[in-house]
Structure formats: C-alpha cells, structure tokens
C-alpha cells in the first residue's frame, strides 16, 4: 500500500463534528487552481464499496444520526435513530422537523468520488470518506428530493438554487481535503463560479488517503 499525505498547513485534531478540521487558508480562485485535472470514469463503481452510515464512536448513533443531531437547530428525539428536530436546508431554504424529510448529502457524492480518484483507495479510506465527521462540510442535511435531484452530479451539471458560493467553497474544500481530481468541464465551471464569489476564501486540512 502507498500512503499519501498532501501537506497543506497543520493538521488539527477535532472531536466529532465539534469544529471543522481546517488548515491553511487560500483564496477561492487559487484553491480551485490547485485541483488536478484528469478524465473521470465510474467503471466498477458500487455504492457498497463505500461502507457508509456506520457508528463511528460506538454510541448507537450512525453517521446519519450524528449529522442530524449536529445540524438540528433544536433538540432531537428518537435516540439511536433520530426522528424529529429542526433542520434548515440551505440548498432550497426550507426548514424541516421530521427527519424522514431530510437526506444527508455527501457534498462530493460517492460515485463522483469514485471517478475522481477513490477507485484507487483502500476500502478503509473509502469508509473514512463516506463517514467524514471531522469536516462538517463533507456531510450536509438537506431536503430529500433536492438531494435526489443532485444525484452524483458535479457543479458543471448541478448547483443548488441558493447558497451557491457556499456550495462552491464546500465542494472545492472536500475535493482538496481528499485529494480528488476534477474533469475539464468541472474545472471550467468551478473557475467561472469562483469569479462570481469575490473576496471568498476557504480552509481545509488534508485527510489520510491510502492507495491500494
């Protein structure tokens, strides 16, 4: 196995979802330019190759529940399986109180990650990516049908109706955090969108990526 660390500032340890794991700060447009360009293909993709929604800390609440609890504006009910709370979906500016109306969106979808480099990762690395609670931008509570409309598309193919600069920053941060590549159309679109998000910057800390 080959172990790759991308050195970008100082790695900061944080507890689960207490704070974002951010390192060096970059202007958004400069951060976009750091993304490597490569052809993407999803040949061989299977969602089961990413072991997702696990109980990371053994408290009976899986990754979905952890995100729902962290993002709720009010107390949650349901214990191990969250039932109610109050969630604001910034993609469409809707608020929900029933957890069944809320999806947890992988900012960079699993299929997109596979084609962008995750196919070369070990299973353990894919598992960490699918359950990344150390950077709160990786997993986002949003309206279920909006998440379903996004599917596995990148910003060249889909953007939320609202919060586009925030979405762009989060997308770029997660791609950089996990050393994921972009295709040419995606890169062009990211550069274009970054031009409309002036004076924006982002911070990220690289994740531990192990290649097969």
N, C-alpha and C. Protein backbone atom coordinates (compact mmCIF):
# COMPACT_ATOMS: atom_id res chain seq x y z
N UNK A 1 0.84 -1.20 0.00
CA UNK A 1 0.00 0.00 0.00
C UNK A 1 0.87 1.24 0.00
N UNK A 2 0.40 2.29 -0.67
CA UNK A 2 1.12 3.55 -0.69
C UNK A 2 0.32 4.56 0.11
N UNK A 3 0.99 5.23 1.03
CA UNK A 3 0.34 6.22 1.88
C UNK A 3 0.70 7.61 1.39
N UNK A 4 -0.33 8.43 1.12
CA UNK A 4 -0.10 9.76 0.59
C UNK A 4 -0.65 10.80 1.54
N UNK A 5 0.20 11.74 1.91
CA UNK A 5 -0.26 12.91 2.65
C UNK A 5 -0.02 14.13 1.77
N UNK A 6 -1.02 14.96 1.61
CA UNK A 6 -0.84 16.23 0.93
C UNK A 6 -0.62 17.27 2.00
N UNK A 7 0.53 17.90 2.00
CA UNK A 7 0.86 18.82 3.09
C UNK A 7 0.28 20.19 2.79
N UNK A 8 -0.74 20.56 3.55
CA UNK A 8 -1.37 21.87 3.39
C UNK A 8 -1.62 22.43 4.77
N UNK A 9 -0.60 23.06 5.34
CA UNK A 9 -0.77 23.62 6.67
C UNK A 9 -0.64 22.55 7.73
N UNK A 10 -1.19 22.82 8.90
CA UNK A 10 -1.05 21.95 10.06
C UNK A 10 -2.33 21.16 10.26
N UNK A 11 -2.21 19.86 10.46
CA UNK A 11 -3.37 19.04 10.72
C UNK A 11 -3.86 19.31 12.14
N UNK A 12 -5.14 19.55 12.27
CA UNK A 12 -5.71 19.88 13.57
C UNK A 12 -6.67 18.78 13.97
N UNK A 13 -6.48 18.15 15.12
CA UNK A 13 -7.40 17.12 15.59
C UNK A 13 -8.62 17.76 16.22
N UNK A 14 -9.80 17.21 15.91
CA UNK A 14 -11.03 17.74 16.49
C UNK A 14 -11.92 16.58 16.89
N UNK A 15 -12.82 16.80 17.82
CA UNK A 15 -13.79 15.79 18.17
C UNK A 15 -14.89 15.78 17.12
N UNK A 16 -15.72 14.74 17.15
CA UNK A 16 -16.72 14.54 16.11
C UNK A 16 -17.64 15.75 15.98
N UNK A 17 -17.60 16.40 14.83
CA UNK A 17 -18.48 17.49 14.45
C UNK A 17 -18.49 18.67 15.42
N UNK A 18 -17.51 18.75 16.33
CA UNK A 18 -17.46 19.91 17.21
C UNK A 18 -16.94 21.14 16.49
N UNK A 19 -16.04 20.93 15.54
CA UNK A 19 -15.45 22.04 14.80
C UNK A 19 -14.93 21.51 13.48
N UNK A 20 -14.90 22.37 12.44
CA UNK A 20 -14.35 21.93 11.17
C UNK A 20 -12.85 21.72 11.27
N UNK A 21 -12.35 20.72 10.54
CA UNK A 21 -10.91 20.45 10.55
C UNK A 21 -10.26 21.27 9.45
N UNK A 22 -9.88 22.49 9.76
CA UNK A 22 -9.35 23.39 8.75
C UNK A 22 -7.86 23.59 8.94
N UNK A 23 -7.15 23.74 7.84
CA UNK A 23 -5.72 24.01 7.89
C UNK A 23 -5.41 25.35 7.26
N UNK A 24 -4.61 25.35 6.22
CA UNK A 24 -4.16 26.58 5.59
C UNK A 24 -5.28 27.27 4.82
N UNK A 25 -5.28 28.58 4.83
CA UNK A 25 -6.32 29.35 4.14
C UNK A 25 -5.85 29.72 2.74
N UNK A 26 -6.76 29.64 1.78
CA UNK A 26 -6.48 30.01 0.40
C UNK A 26 -7.63 30.85 -0.14
N UNK A 27 -7.32 31.76 -1.05
CA UNK A 27 -8.38 32.42 -1.78
C UNK A 27 -9.07 31.38 -2.64
N UNK A 28 -10.38 31.52 -2.80
CA UNK A 28 -11.15 30.50 -3.50
C UNK A 28 -10.62 30.21 -4.90
N UNK A 29 -10.34 31.26 -5.66
CA UNK A 29 -9.87 31.04 -7.04
C UNK A 29 -8.52 30.34 -7.05
N UNK A 30 -7.66 30.65 -6.09
CA UNK A 30 -6.37 29.98 -6.00
C UNK A 30 -6.55 28.52 -5.60
N UNK A 31 -7.50 28.27 -4.72
CA UNK A 31 -7.77 26.90 -4.29
C UNK A 31 -8.27 26.05 -5.46
N UNK A 32 -9.12 26.63 -6.29
CA UNK A 32 -9.62 25.91 -7.47
C UNK A 32 -8.47 25.50 -8.37
N UNK A 33 -7.50 26.38 -8.52
CA UNK A 33 -6.37 26.09 -9.40
C UNK A 33 -5.49 24.95 -8.87
N UNK A 34 -5.62 24.65 -7.60
CA UNK A 34 -4.83 23.55 -7.03
C UNK A 34 -5.41 22.18 -7.36
N UNK A 35 -6.64 22.14 -7.85
CA UNK A 35 -7.27 20.86 -8.17
C UNK A 35 -6.66 20.27 -9.43
N UNK A 36 -6.25 19.04 -9.36
CA UNK A 36 -5.66 18.35 -10.52
C UNK A 36 -6.76 17.95 -11.49
N UNK A 37 -6.48 18.08 -12.78
CA UNK A 37 -7.45 17.74 -13.82
C UNK A 37 -7.14 16.36 -14.38
N UNK A 38 -8.16 15.55 -14.51
CA UNK A 38 -7.99 14.21 -15.07
C UNK A 38 -9.34 13.73 -15.61
N UNK A 39 -9.28 12.81 -16.54
CA UNK A 39 -10.50 12.21 -17.06
C UNK A 39 -11.14 11.36 -15.97
N UNK A 40 -12.47 11.42 -15.86
CA UNK A 40 -13.18 10.65 -14.85
C UNK A 40 -13.97 9.52 -15.49
N UNK A 41 -14.00 8.38 -14.84
CA UNK A 41 -14.83 7.26 -15.27
C UNK A 41 -15.35 6.53 -14.05
N UNK A 42 -16.60 6.13 -14.10
CA UNK A 42 -17.21 5.42 -12.98
C UNK A 42 -17.26 3.92 -13.19
N UNK A 43 -16.49 3.41 -14.13
CA UNK A 43 -16.44 1.97 -14.36
C UNK A 43 -16.05 1.26 -13.07
N UNK A 44 -16.82 0.26 -12.69
CA UNK A 44 -16.52 -0.50 -11.48
C UNK A 44 -17.14 0.06 -10.21
N UNK A 45 -17.85 1.18 -10.31
CA UNK A 45 -18.44 1.78 -9.11
C UNK A 45 -19.55 0.91 -8.53
N UNK A 46 -19.55 0.79 -7.24
CA UNK A 46 -20.61 0.12 -6.48
C UNK A 46 -20.70 0.83 -5.14
N UNK A 47 -21.87 1.32 -4.79
CA UNK A 47 -22.05 2.06 -3.54
C UNK A 47 -21.59 1.24 -2.33
N UNK A 48 -21.70 -0.08 -2.43
CA UNK A 48 -21.31 -0.93 -1.31
C UNK A 48 -19.80 -0.92 -1.07
N UNK A 49 -19.03 -0.39 -2.02
CA UNK A 49 -17.58 -0.29 -1.83
C UNK A 49 -17.22 0.84 -0.87
N UNK A 50 -18.22 1.64 -0.51
CA UNK A 50 -18.06 2.70 0.50
C UNK A 50 -18.92 2.29 1.70
N UNK A 51 -18.32 1.80 2.74
CA UNK A 51 -19.09 1.37 3.91
C UNK A 51 -19.58 2.61 4.64
N UNK A 52 -20.83 2.98 4.41
CA UNK A 52 -21.33 4.25 4.93
C UNK A 52 -22.38 4.04 6.02
N UNK A 53 -22.64 5.12 6.72
CA UNK A 53 -23.60 5.16 7.83
C UNK A 53 -23.24 4.13 8.90
N UNK A 54 -22.01 4.22 9.37
CA UNK A 54 -21.54 3.36 10.45
C UNK A 54 -21.61 4.12 11.77
N UNK A 55 -21.49 3.40 12.87
CA UNK A 55 -21.45 4.01 14.20
C UNK A 55 -19.98 4.21 14.56
N UNK A 56 -19.45 5.39 14.28
CA UNK A 56 -18.02 5.65 14.42
C UNK A 56 -17.55 5.53 15.87
N UNK A 57 -18.33 6.07 16.81
CA UNK A 57 -17.87 6.15 18.20
C UNK A 57 -18.58 5.19 19.15
N UNK A 58 -19.37 4.27 18.61
CA UNK A 58 -19.99 3.24 19.43
C UNK A 58 -21.07 3.72 20.38
N UNK A 59 -21.76 4.83 20.02
CA UNK A 59 -22.81 5.35 20.90
C UNK A 59 -24.21 4.99 20.42
N UNK A 60 -24.29 4.07 19.46
CA UNK A 60 -25.54 3.57 18.85
C UNK A 60 -26.09 4.48 17.76
N UNK A 61 -25.50 5.66 17.58
CA UNK A 61 -25.95 6.58 16.53
C UNK A 61 -25.00 6.51 15.34
N UNK A 62 -25.55 6.19 14.17
CA UNK A 62 -24.70 6.09 12.99
C UNK A 62 -24.37 7.47 12.44
N UNK A 63 -23.64 7.51 11.35
CA UNK A 63 -23.19 8.79 10.79
C UNK A 63 -24.35 9.70 10.45
N UNK A 64 -25.41 9.14 9.86
CA UNK A 64 -26.58 9.95 9.54
C UNK A 64 -27.13 10.61 10.81
N UNK A 65 -27.29 9.83 11.86
CA UNK A 65 -27.83 10.37 13.11
C UNK A 65 -26.91 11.44 13.70
N UNK A 66 -25.61 11.22 13.63
CA UNK A 66 -24.66 12.21 14.16
C UNK A 66 -24.81 13.55 13.45
N UNK A 67 -24.97 13.52 12.13
CA UNK A 67 -25.12 14.76 11.37
C UNK A 67 -26.45 15.43 11.69
N UNK A 68 -27.52 14.64 11.78
CA UNK A 68 -28.83 15.20 12.12
C UNK A 68 -28.79 15.89 13.48
N UNK A 69 -28.15 15.27 14.45
CA UNK A 69 -28.06 15.86 15.79
C UNK A 69 -27.23 17.14 15.75
N UNK A 70 -26.11 17.10 15.05
CA UNK A 70 -25.21 18.26 15.00
C UNK A 70 -25.84 19.45 14.28
N UNK A 71 -26.64 19.19 13.26
CA UNK A 71 -27.18 20.28 12.44
C UNK A 71 -28.57 20.75 12.88
N UNK A 72 -29.20 20.04 13.78
CA UNK A 72 -30.53 20.44 14.22
C UNK A 72 -30.47 21.75 15.01
N UNK A 73 -31.38 22.65 14.72
CA UNK A 73 -31.46 23.93 15.43
C UNK A 73 -32.16 23.79 16.77
N UNK A 74 -32.75 22.64 17.00
CA UNK A 74 -33.46 22.38 18.24
C UNK A 74 -33.08 20.97 18.70
N UNK A 75 -33.54 20.59 19.87
CA UNK A 75 -33.24 19.25 20.35
C UNK A 75 -33.86 18.19 19.45
N UNK A 76 -33.25 17.03 19.40
CA UNK A 76 -33.76 15.94 18.57
C UNK A 76 -34.39 14.87 19.45
N UNK A 77 -35.27 14.08 18.85
CA UNK A 77 -35.88 12.95 19.55
C UNK A 77 -35.61 11.68 18.75
N UNK A 78 -35.71 10.56 19.43
CA UNK A 78 -35.57 9.29 18.73
C UNK A 78 -34.38 8.47 19.17
N UNK A 79 -33.47 9.08 19.92
CA UNK A 79 -32.33 8.31 20.42
C UNK A 79 -31.40 7.83 19.33
N UNK A 80 -31.24 6.52 19.23
CA UNK A 80 -30.29 5.96 18.26
C UNK A 80 -30.66 6.31 16.82
N UNK A 81 -31.95 6.31 16.53
CA UNK A 81 -32.44 6.70 15.20
C UNK A 81 -33.21 8.00 15.36
N UNK A 82 -32.65 9.09 14.89
CA UNK A 82 -33.25 10.41 15.09
C UNK A 82 -34.59 10.49 14.36
N UNK A 83 -35.61 10.99 15.06
CA UNK A 83 -36.96 11.08 14.49
C UNK A 83 -37.37 12.51 14.18
N UNK A 84 -37.13 13.42 15.12
CA UNK A 84 -37.54 14.81 14.92
C UNK A 84 -36.44 15.76 15.38
N UNK A 85 -36.54 16.98 14.89
CA UNK A 85 -35.60 18.04 15.22
C UNK A 85 -36.00 19.26 14.41
N UNK A 86 -35.04 20.09 14.05
CA UNK A 86 -35.33 21.24 13.17
C UNK A 86 -34.11 21.48 12.29
N UNK A 87 -34.30 21.26 10.99
CA UNK A 87 -33.18 21.35 10.05
C UNK A 87 -33.46 22.36 8.95
N UNK A 88 -32.48 23.22 8.72
CA UNK A 88 -32.57 24.20 7.63
C UNK A 88 -31.73 23.70 6.47
N UNK A 89 -32.37 23.52 5.33
CA UNK A 89 -31.69 23.07 4.12
C UNK A 89 -31.28 24.29 3.30
N UNK A 90 -30.00 24.61 3.30
CA UNK A 90 -29.59 25.85 2.61
C UNK A 90 -29.69 25.74 1.10
N UNK A 91 -29.77 24.54 0.56
CA UNK A 91 -29.89 24.37 -0.90
C UNK A 91 -31.18 25.00 -1.42
N UNK A 92 -32.26 24.91 -0.64
CA UNK A 92 -33.56 25.42 -1.09
C UNK A 92 -34.25 26.30 -0.05
N UNK A 93 -33.57 26.59 1.05
CA UNK A 93 -34.08 27.46 2.12
C UNK A 93 -35.38 26.94 2.72
N UNK A 94 -35.46 25.64 2.89
CA UNK A 94 -36.61 25.02 3.53
C UNK A 94 -36.21 24.51 4.91
N UNK A 95 -37.18 24.51 5.82
CA UNK A 95 -36.97 24.01 7.17
C UNK A 95 -37.85 22.79 7.41
N UNK A 96 -37.28 21.77 8.03
CA UNK A 96 -37.98 20.51 8.26
C UNK A 96 -37.87 20.10 9.73
N UNK A 97 -38.92 19.44 10.23
CA UNK A 97 -38.90 18.95 11.61
C UNK A 97 -38.97 17.42 11.68
N UNK A 98 -39.33 16.79 10.59
CA UNK A 98 -39.39 15.33 10.51
C UNK A 98 -38.13 14.83 9.81
N UNK A 99 -37.36 14.00 10.48
CA UNK A 99 -36.10 13.53 9.91
C UNK A 99 -36.29 12.77 8.61
N UNK A 100 -37.47 12.21 8.39
CA UNK A 100 -37.71 11.46 7.15
C UNK A 100 -37.73 12.37 5.93
N UNK A 101 -37.86 13.68 6.14
CA UNK A 101 -37.85 14.64 5.03
C UNK A 101 -36.44 15.13 4.70
N UNK A 102 -35.47 14.65 5.46
CA UNK A 102 -34.10 15.16 5.33
C UNK A 102 -33.16 14.05 4.87
N UNK A 103 -32.36 14.35 3.87
CA UNK A 103 -31.27 13.47 3.44
C UNK A 103 -29.95 14.04 3.96
N UNK A 104 -28.98 13.17 4.16
CA UNK A 104 -27.62 13.62 4.43
C UNK A 104 -26.86 13.51 3.13
N UNK A 105 -26.54 14.66 2.57
CA UNK A 105 -25.85 14.72 1.28
C UNK A 105 -24.35 14.60 1.46
N UNK A 106 -23.74 13.64 0.76
CA UNK A 106 -22.29 13.65 0.65
C UNK A 106 -21.96 14.80 -0.30
N UNK A 107 -21.31 15.84 0.21
CA UNK A 107 -21.01 17.00 -0.63
C UNK A 107 -20.45 16.55 -1.97
N UNK A 108 -19.44 15.71 -1.95
CA UNK A 108 -18.96 15.05 -3.16
C UNK A 108 -19.53 13.64 -3.11
N UNK A 109 -20.47 13.37 -4.01
CA UNK A 109 -21.17 12.08 -3.99
C UNK A 109 -20.20 10.91 -4.11
N UNK A 110 -20.60 9.77 -3.59
CA UNK A 110 -19.73 8.60 -3.61
C UNK A 110 -19.33 8.21 -5.02
N UNK A 111 -20.28 8.24 -5.94
CA UNK A 111 -19.97 7.89 -7.34
C UNK A 111 -19.01 8.89 -7.95
N UNK A 112 -19.21 10.17 -7.64
CA UNK A 112 -18.31 11.21 -8.14
C UNK A 112 -16.91 11.02 -7.56
N UNK A 113 -16.84 10.68 -6.28
CA UNK A 113 -15.54 10.44 -5.64
C UNK A 113 -14.84 9.25 -6.29
N UNK A 114 -15.59 8.20 -6.57
CA UNK A 114 -15.02 7.01 -7.21
C UNK A 114 -14.32 7.38 -8.51
N UNK A 115 -15.02 8.12 -9.35
CA UNK A 115 -14.45 8.50 -10.64
C UNK A 115 -13.35 9.54 -10.54
N UNK A 116 -13.28 10.22 -9.39
CA UNK A 116 -12.29 11.29 -9.20
C UNK A 116 -11.03 10.81 -8.48
N UNK A 117 -10.97 9.52 -8.18
CA UNK A 117 -9.77 9.00 -7.54
C UNK A 117 -9.99 7.93 -6.49
N UNK A 118 -11.20 7.84 -5.93
CA UNK A 118 -11.45 6.90 -4.84
C UNK A 118 -11.37 5.45 -5.27
N UNK A 119 -11.48 5.19 -6.56
CA UNK A 119 -11.37 3.80 -7.03
C UNK A 119 -9.99 3.22 -6.71
N UNK A 120 -9.00 4.09 -6.51
CA UNK A 120 -7.63 3.62 -6.21
C UNK A 120 -7.35 3.57 -4.71
N UNK A 121 -8.34 3.95 -3.91
CA UNK A 121 -8.15 3.93 -2.46
C UNK A 121 -8.36 2.53 -1.88
N UNK A 122 -7.85 2.33 -0.67
CA UNK A 122 -8.18 1.13 0.08
C UNK A 122 -9.63 1.24 0.56
N UNK A 123 -10.21 0.10 0.92
CA UNK A 123 -11.57 0.11 1.45
C UNK A 123 -11.68 0.94 2.72
N UNK A 124 -10.65 0.92 3.54
CA UNK A 124 -10.67 1.68 4.79
C UNK A 124 -10.71 3.18 4.52
N UNK A 125 -10.01 3.63 3.48
CA UNK A 125 -10.03 5.06 3.13
C UNK A 125 -11.40 5.45 2.61
N UNK A 126 -12.00 4.61 1.78
CA UNK A 126 -13.35 4.90 1.28
C UNK A 126 -14.35 4.95 2.44
N UNK A 127 -14.17 4.10 3.42
CA UNK A 127 -15.03 4.10 4.60
C UNK A 127 -14.90 5.42 5.36
N UNK A 128 -13.67 5.91 5.53
CA UNK A 128 -13.47 7.19 6.22
C UNK A 128 -14.10 8.33 5.44
N UNK A 129 -13.97 8.29 4.12
CA UNK A 129 -14.56 9.34 3.29
C UNK A 129 -16.09 9.35 3.44
N UNK A 130 -16.70 8.19 3.39
CA UNK A 130 -18.16 8.08 3.43
C UNK A 130 -18.74 8.49 4.78
N UNK A 131 -17.91 8.52 5.81
CA UNK A 131 -18.36 8.85 7.16
C UNK A 131 -17.52 9.97 7.77
N UNK A 132 -17.16 10.95 6.95
CA UNK A 132 -16.24 12.00 7.39
C UNK A 132 -16.94 13.01 8.30
N UNK A 133 -16.79 12.80 9.60
CA UNK A 133 -17.37 13.71 10.58
C UNK A 133 -16.37 14.74 11.08
N UNK A 134 -15.15 14.69 10.58
CA UNK A 134 -14.12 15.63 11.03
C UNK A 134 -14.17 16.96 10.26
N UNK A 135 -14.86 16.98 9.15
CA UNK A 135 -15.06 18.24 8.42
C UNK A 135 -16.55 18.34 8.14
N UNK A 136 -17.21 19.27 8.81
CA UNK A 136 -18.67 19.34 8.76
C UNK A 136 -19.20 19.69 7.38
N UNK A 137 -18.33 20.08 6.46
CA UNK A 137 -18.78 20.38 5.09
C UNK A 137 -18.94 19.12 4.26
N UNK A 138 -18.41 18.01 4.73
CA UNK A 138 -18.44 16.77 3.95
C UNK A 138 -19.83 16.16 3.87
N UNK A 139 -20.62 16.33 4.91
CA UNK A 139 -21.96 15.75 5.02
C UNK A 139 -22.93 16.84 5.44
N UNK A 140 -23.99 17.03 4.65
CA UNK A 140 -24.88 18.18 4.85
C UNK A 140 -26.33 17.71 4.88
N UNK A 141 -27.08 18.15 5.89
CA UNK A 141 -28.50 17.83 5.99
C UNK A 141 -29.29 18.74 5.06
N UNK A 142 -30.00 18.14 4.09
CA UNK A 142 -30.74 18.91 3.09
C UNK A 142 -32.08 18.24 2.78
N UNK A 143 -32.95 18.97 2.12
CA UNK A 143 -34.24 18.43 1.69
C UNK A 143 -34.03 17.19 0.83
N UNK A 144 -34.79 16.14 1.13
CA UNK A 144 -34.53 14.86 0.47
C UNK A 144 -34.64 14.90 -1.05
N UNK A 145 -35.71 15.52 -1.58
CA UNK A 145 -35.87 15.49 -3.04
C UNK A 145 -34.86 16.40 -3.75
N UNK A 146 -34.34 17.40 -3.05
CA UNK A 146 -33.30 18.25 -3.65
C UNK A 146 -32.01 17.45 -3.76
N UNK A 147 -31.70 16.71 -2.71
CA UNK A 147 -30.51 15.85 -2.76
C UNK A 147 -30.64 14.81 -3.86
N UNK A 148 -31.83 14.28 -4.02
CA UNK A 148 -32.05 13.27 -5.06
C UNK A 148 -31.93 13.87 -6.45
N UNK A 149 -32.31 15.15 -6.60
CA UNK A 149 -32.16 15.80 -7.90
C UNK A 149 -30.69 16.04 -8.23
N UNK A 150 -29.88 16.24 -7.21
CA UNK A 150 -28.44 16.39 -7.41
C UNK A 150 -27.81 15.08 -7.86
N UNK A 151 -28.19 13.99 -7.20
CA UNK A 151 -27.62 12.70 -7.55
C UNK A 151 -26.11 12.70 -7.37
N UNK A 152 -25.40 12.22 -8.39
CA UNK A 152 -23.93 12.18 -8.32
C UNK A 152 -23.28 13.21 -9.23
N UNK A 153 -24.03 14.27 -9.54
CA UNK A 153 -23.54 15.28 -10.48
C UNK A 153 -22.59 16.28 -9.82
N UNK A 154 -21.65 16.78 -10.62
CA UNK A 154 -20.70 17.78 -10.13
C UNK A 154 -21.22 19.17 -10.48
N UNK A 155 -20.55 20.26 -10.05
CA UNK A 155 -21.06 21.61 -10.29
C UNK A 155 -21.19 22.02 -11.75
N UNK A 156 -20.54 21.30 -12.66
CA UNK A 156 -20.74 21.59 -14.08
C UNK A 156 -22.12 21.15 -14.53
N UNK A 157 -22.75 20.28 -13.74
CA UNK A 157 -24.04 19.70 -14.12
C UNK A 157 -25.17 20.08 -13.17
N UNK A 158 -24.83 20.48 -11.95
CA UNK A 158 -25.86 20.80 -10.96
C UNK A 158 -25.32 21.75 -9.91
N UNK A 159 -26.16 22.75 -9.57
CA UNK A 159 -25.87 23.64 -8.45
C UNK A 159 -27.17 23.90 -7.71
N UNK A 160 -27.12 24.13 -6.40
CA UNK A 160 -28.35 24.43 -5.66
C UNK A 160 -28.91 25.79 -6.07
N UNK A 161 -30.18 25.98 -5.80
CA UNK A 161 -30.82 27.25 -6.14
C UNK A 161 -30.26 28.40 -5.32
N UNK A 162 -29.95 28.12 -4.06
CA UNK A 162 -29.45 29.15 -3.15
C UNK A 162 -28.07 28.74 -2.61
N UNK A 163 -27.37 29.71 -2.03
CA UNK A 163 -26.10 29.43 -1.36
C UNK A 163 -25.03 28.90 -2.29
N UNK A 164 -24.98 29.42 -3.52
CA UNK A 164 -24.06 28.84 -4.49
C UNK A 164 -22.59 29.07 -4.14
N UNK A 165 -22.26 30.22 -3.59
CA UNK A 165 -20.86 30.46 -3.21
C UNK A 165 -20.46 29.56 -2.04
N UNK A 166 -21.36 29.37 -1.11
CA UNK A 166 -21.08 28.44 -0.01
C UNK A 166 -20.89 27.04 -0.55
N UNK A 167 -21.78 26.62 -1.43
CA UNK A 167 -21.69 25.27 -2.00
C UNK A 167 -20.38 25.08 -2.75
N UNK A 168 -20.01 26.09 -3.52
CA UNK A 168 -18.76 26.02 -4.28
C UNK A 168 -17.57 25.86 -3.34
N UNK A 169 -17.52 26.66 -2.29
CA UNK A 169 -16.42 26.57 -1.34
C UNK A 169 -16.37 25.20 -0.67
N UNK A 170 -17.52 24.67 -0.33
CA UNK A 170 -17.56 23.36 0.33
C UNK A 170 -17.13 22.25 -0.63
N UNK A 171 -17.57 22.35 -1.88
CA UNK A 171 -17.19 21.35 -2.88
C UNK A 171 -15.67 21.33 -3.08
N UNK A 172 -15.11 22.50 -3.29
CA UNK A 172 -13.66 22.60 -3.53
C UNK A 172 -12.89 22.12 -2.30
N UNK A 173 -13.35 22.50 -1.11
CA UNK A 173 -12.66 22.09 0.12
C UNK A 173 -12.62 20.58 0.27
N UNK A 174 -13.73 19.91 -0.01
CA UNK A 174 -13.77 18.46 0.15
C UNK A 174 -12.95 17.77 -0.94
N UNK A 175 -12.97 18.30 -2.15
CA UNK A 175 -12.13 17.72 -3.20
C UNK A 175 -10.65 17.84 -2.82
N UNK A 176 -10.26 18.98 -2.29
CA UNK A 176 -8.87 19.16 -1.88
C UNK A 176 -8.54 18.31 -0.66
N UNK A 177 -9.44 18.28 0.28
CA UNK A 177 -9.21 17.51 1.51
C UNK A 177 -8.89 16.05 1.20
N UNK A 178 -9.59 15.49 0.22
CA UNK A 178 -9.44 14.07 -0.10
C UNK A 178 -8.61 13.84 -1.36
N UNK A 179 -7.90 14.84 -1.83
CA UNK A 179 -7.01 14.71 -2.99
C UNK A 179 -7.74 14.16 -4.21
N UNK A 180 -8.98 14.60 -4.40
CA UNK A 180 -9.78 14.16 -5.54
C UNK A 180 -9.57 15.08 -6.73
N UNK A 181 -9.65 14.52 -7.91
CA UNK A 181 -9.40 15.27 -9.14
C UNK A 181 -10.70 15.84 -9.69
N UNK A 182 -10.58 16.68 -10.70
CA UNK A 182 -11.74 17.22 -11.41
C UNK A 182 -11.55 16.97 -12.90
N UNK A 183 -12.67 16.87 -13.64
CA UNK A 183 -12.53 16.78 -15.09
C UNK A 183 -12.51 18.19 -15.68
N UNK A 184 -12.28 18.28 -16.97
CA UNK A 184 -12.10 19.60 -17.59
C UNK A 184 -13.34 20.47 -17.49
N UNK A 185 -14.51 19.88 -17.75
CA UNK A 185 -15.75 20.66 -17.69
C UNK A 185 -16.01 21.15 -16.26
N UNK A 186 -15.73 20.31 -15.31
CA UNK A 186 -15.91 20.68 -13.90
C UNK A 186 -14.96 21.82 -13.54
N UNK A 187 -13.72 21.72 -13.95
CA UNK A 187 -12.75 22.77 -13.62
C UNK A 187 -13.16 24.10 -14.24
N UNK A 188 -13.58 24.09 -15.50
CA UNK A 188 -14.02 25.33 -16.15
C UNK A 188 -15.17 25.96 -15.37
N UNK A 189 -16.12 25.13 -14.96
CA UNK A 189 -17.27 25.64 -14.24
C UNK A 189 -16.88 26.18 -12.86
N UNK A 190 -15.97 25.50 -12.19
CA UNK A 190 -15.51 25.97 -10.88
C UNK A 190 -14.82 27.32 -10.99
N UNK A 191 -13.99 27.48 -12.01
CA UNK A 191 -13.30 28.76 -12.23
C UNK A 191 -14.32 29.86 -12.50
N UNK A 192 -15.31 29.55 -13.34
CA UNK A 192 -16.36 30.52 -13.67
C UNK A 192 -17.14 30.93 -12.43
N UNK A 193 -17.54 29.95 -11.64
CA UNK A 193 -18.32 30.24 -10.43
C UNK A 193 -17.49 31.01 -9.41
N UNK A 194 -16.22 30.67 -9.28
CA UNK A 194 -15.35 31.36 -8.33
C UNK A 194 -15.22 32.83 -8.67
N UNK A 195 -15.30 33.16 -9.96
CA UNK A 195 -15.23 34.55 -10.38
C UNK A 195 -16.39 35.38 -9.87
N UNK A 196 -17.51 34.72 -9.58
CA UNK A 196 -18.69 35.41 -9.05
C UNK A 196 -18.74 35.41 -7.53
N UNK A 197 -17.75 34.80 -6.90
CA UNK A 197 -17.69 34.74 -5.43
C UNK A 197 -16.44 35.48 -4.98
N UNK A 198 -16.41 36.75 -5.23
CA UNK A 198 -15.22 37.56 -4.95
C UNK A 198 -14.97 37.69 -3.45
N UNK A 199 -13.69 37.84 -3.14
CA UNK A 199 -13.25 38.02 -1.75
C UNK A 199 -13.61 36.85 -0.85
N UNK A 200 -13.79 35.68 -1.48
CA UNK A 200 -14.08 34.48 -0.71
C UNK A 200 -12.81 33.65 -0.56
N UNK A 201 -12.68 33.02 0.57
CA UNK A 201 -11.54 32.14 0.81
C UNK A 201 -12.05 30.86 1.45
N UNK A 202 -11.18 29.87 1.55
CA UNK A 202 -11.57 28.64 2.22
C UNK A 202 -10.36 28.03 2.90
N UNK A 203 -10.64 27.17 3.86
CA UNK A 203 -9.57 26.48 4.58
C UNK A 203 -9.92 24.99 4.60
N UNK A 204 -8.91 24.17 4.59
CA UNK A 204 -9.12 22.73 4.67
C UNK A 204 -7.88 22.08 5.25
N UNK A 205 -8.07 20.87 5.73
CA UNK A 205 -6.96 20.05 6.21
C UNK A 205 -7.02 18.72 5.46
N UNK A 206 -5.91 18.25 4.93
CA UNK A 206 -5.92 17.01 4.16
C UNK A 206 -6.28 15.80 5.01
N UNK A 207 -7.07 14.92 4.44
CA UNK A 207 -7.41 13.66 5.09
C UNK A 207 -6.31 12.63 4.82
N UNK A 208 -6.31 11.58 5.58
CA UNK A 208 -5.35 10.49 5.40
C UNK A 208 -5.87 9.59 4.27
N UNK A 209 -5.17 9.59 3.16
CA UNK A 209 -5.57 8.82 1.99
C UNK A 209 -4.55 7.71 1.75
N UNK A 210 -5.01 6.47 1.73
CA UNK A 210 -4.15 5.32 1.49
C UNK A 210 -4.57 4.67 0.18
N UNK A 211 -3.59 4.49 -0.70
CA UNK A 211 -3.85 3.89 -2.01
C UNK A 211 -3.52 2.40 -2.00
N UNK A 212 -4.27 1.65 -2.79
CA UNK A 212 -4.03 0.20 -2.90
C UNK A 212 -2.75 -0.08 -3.67
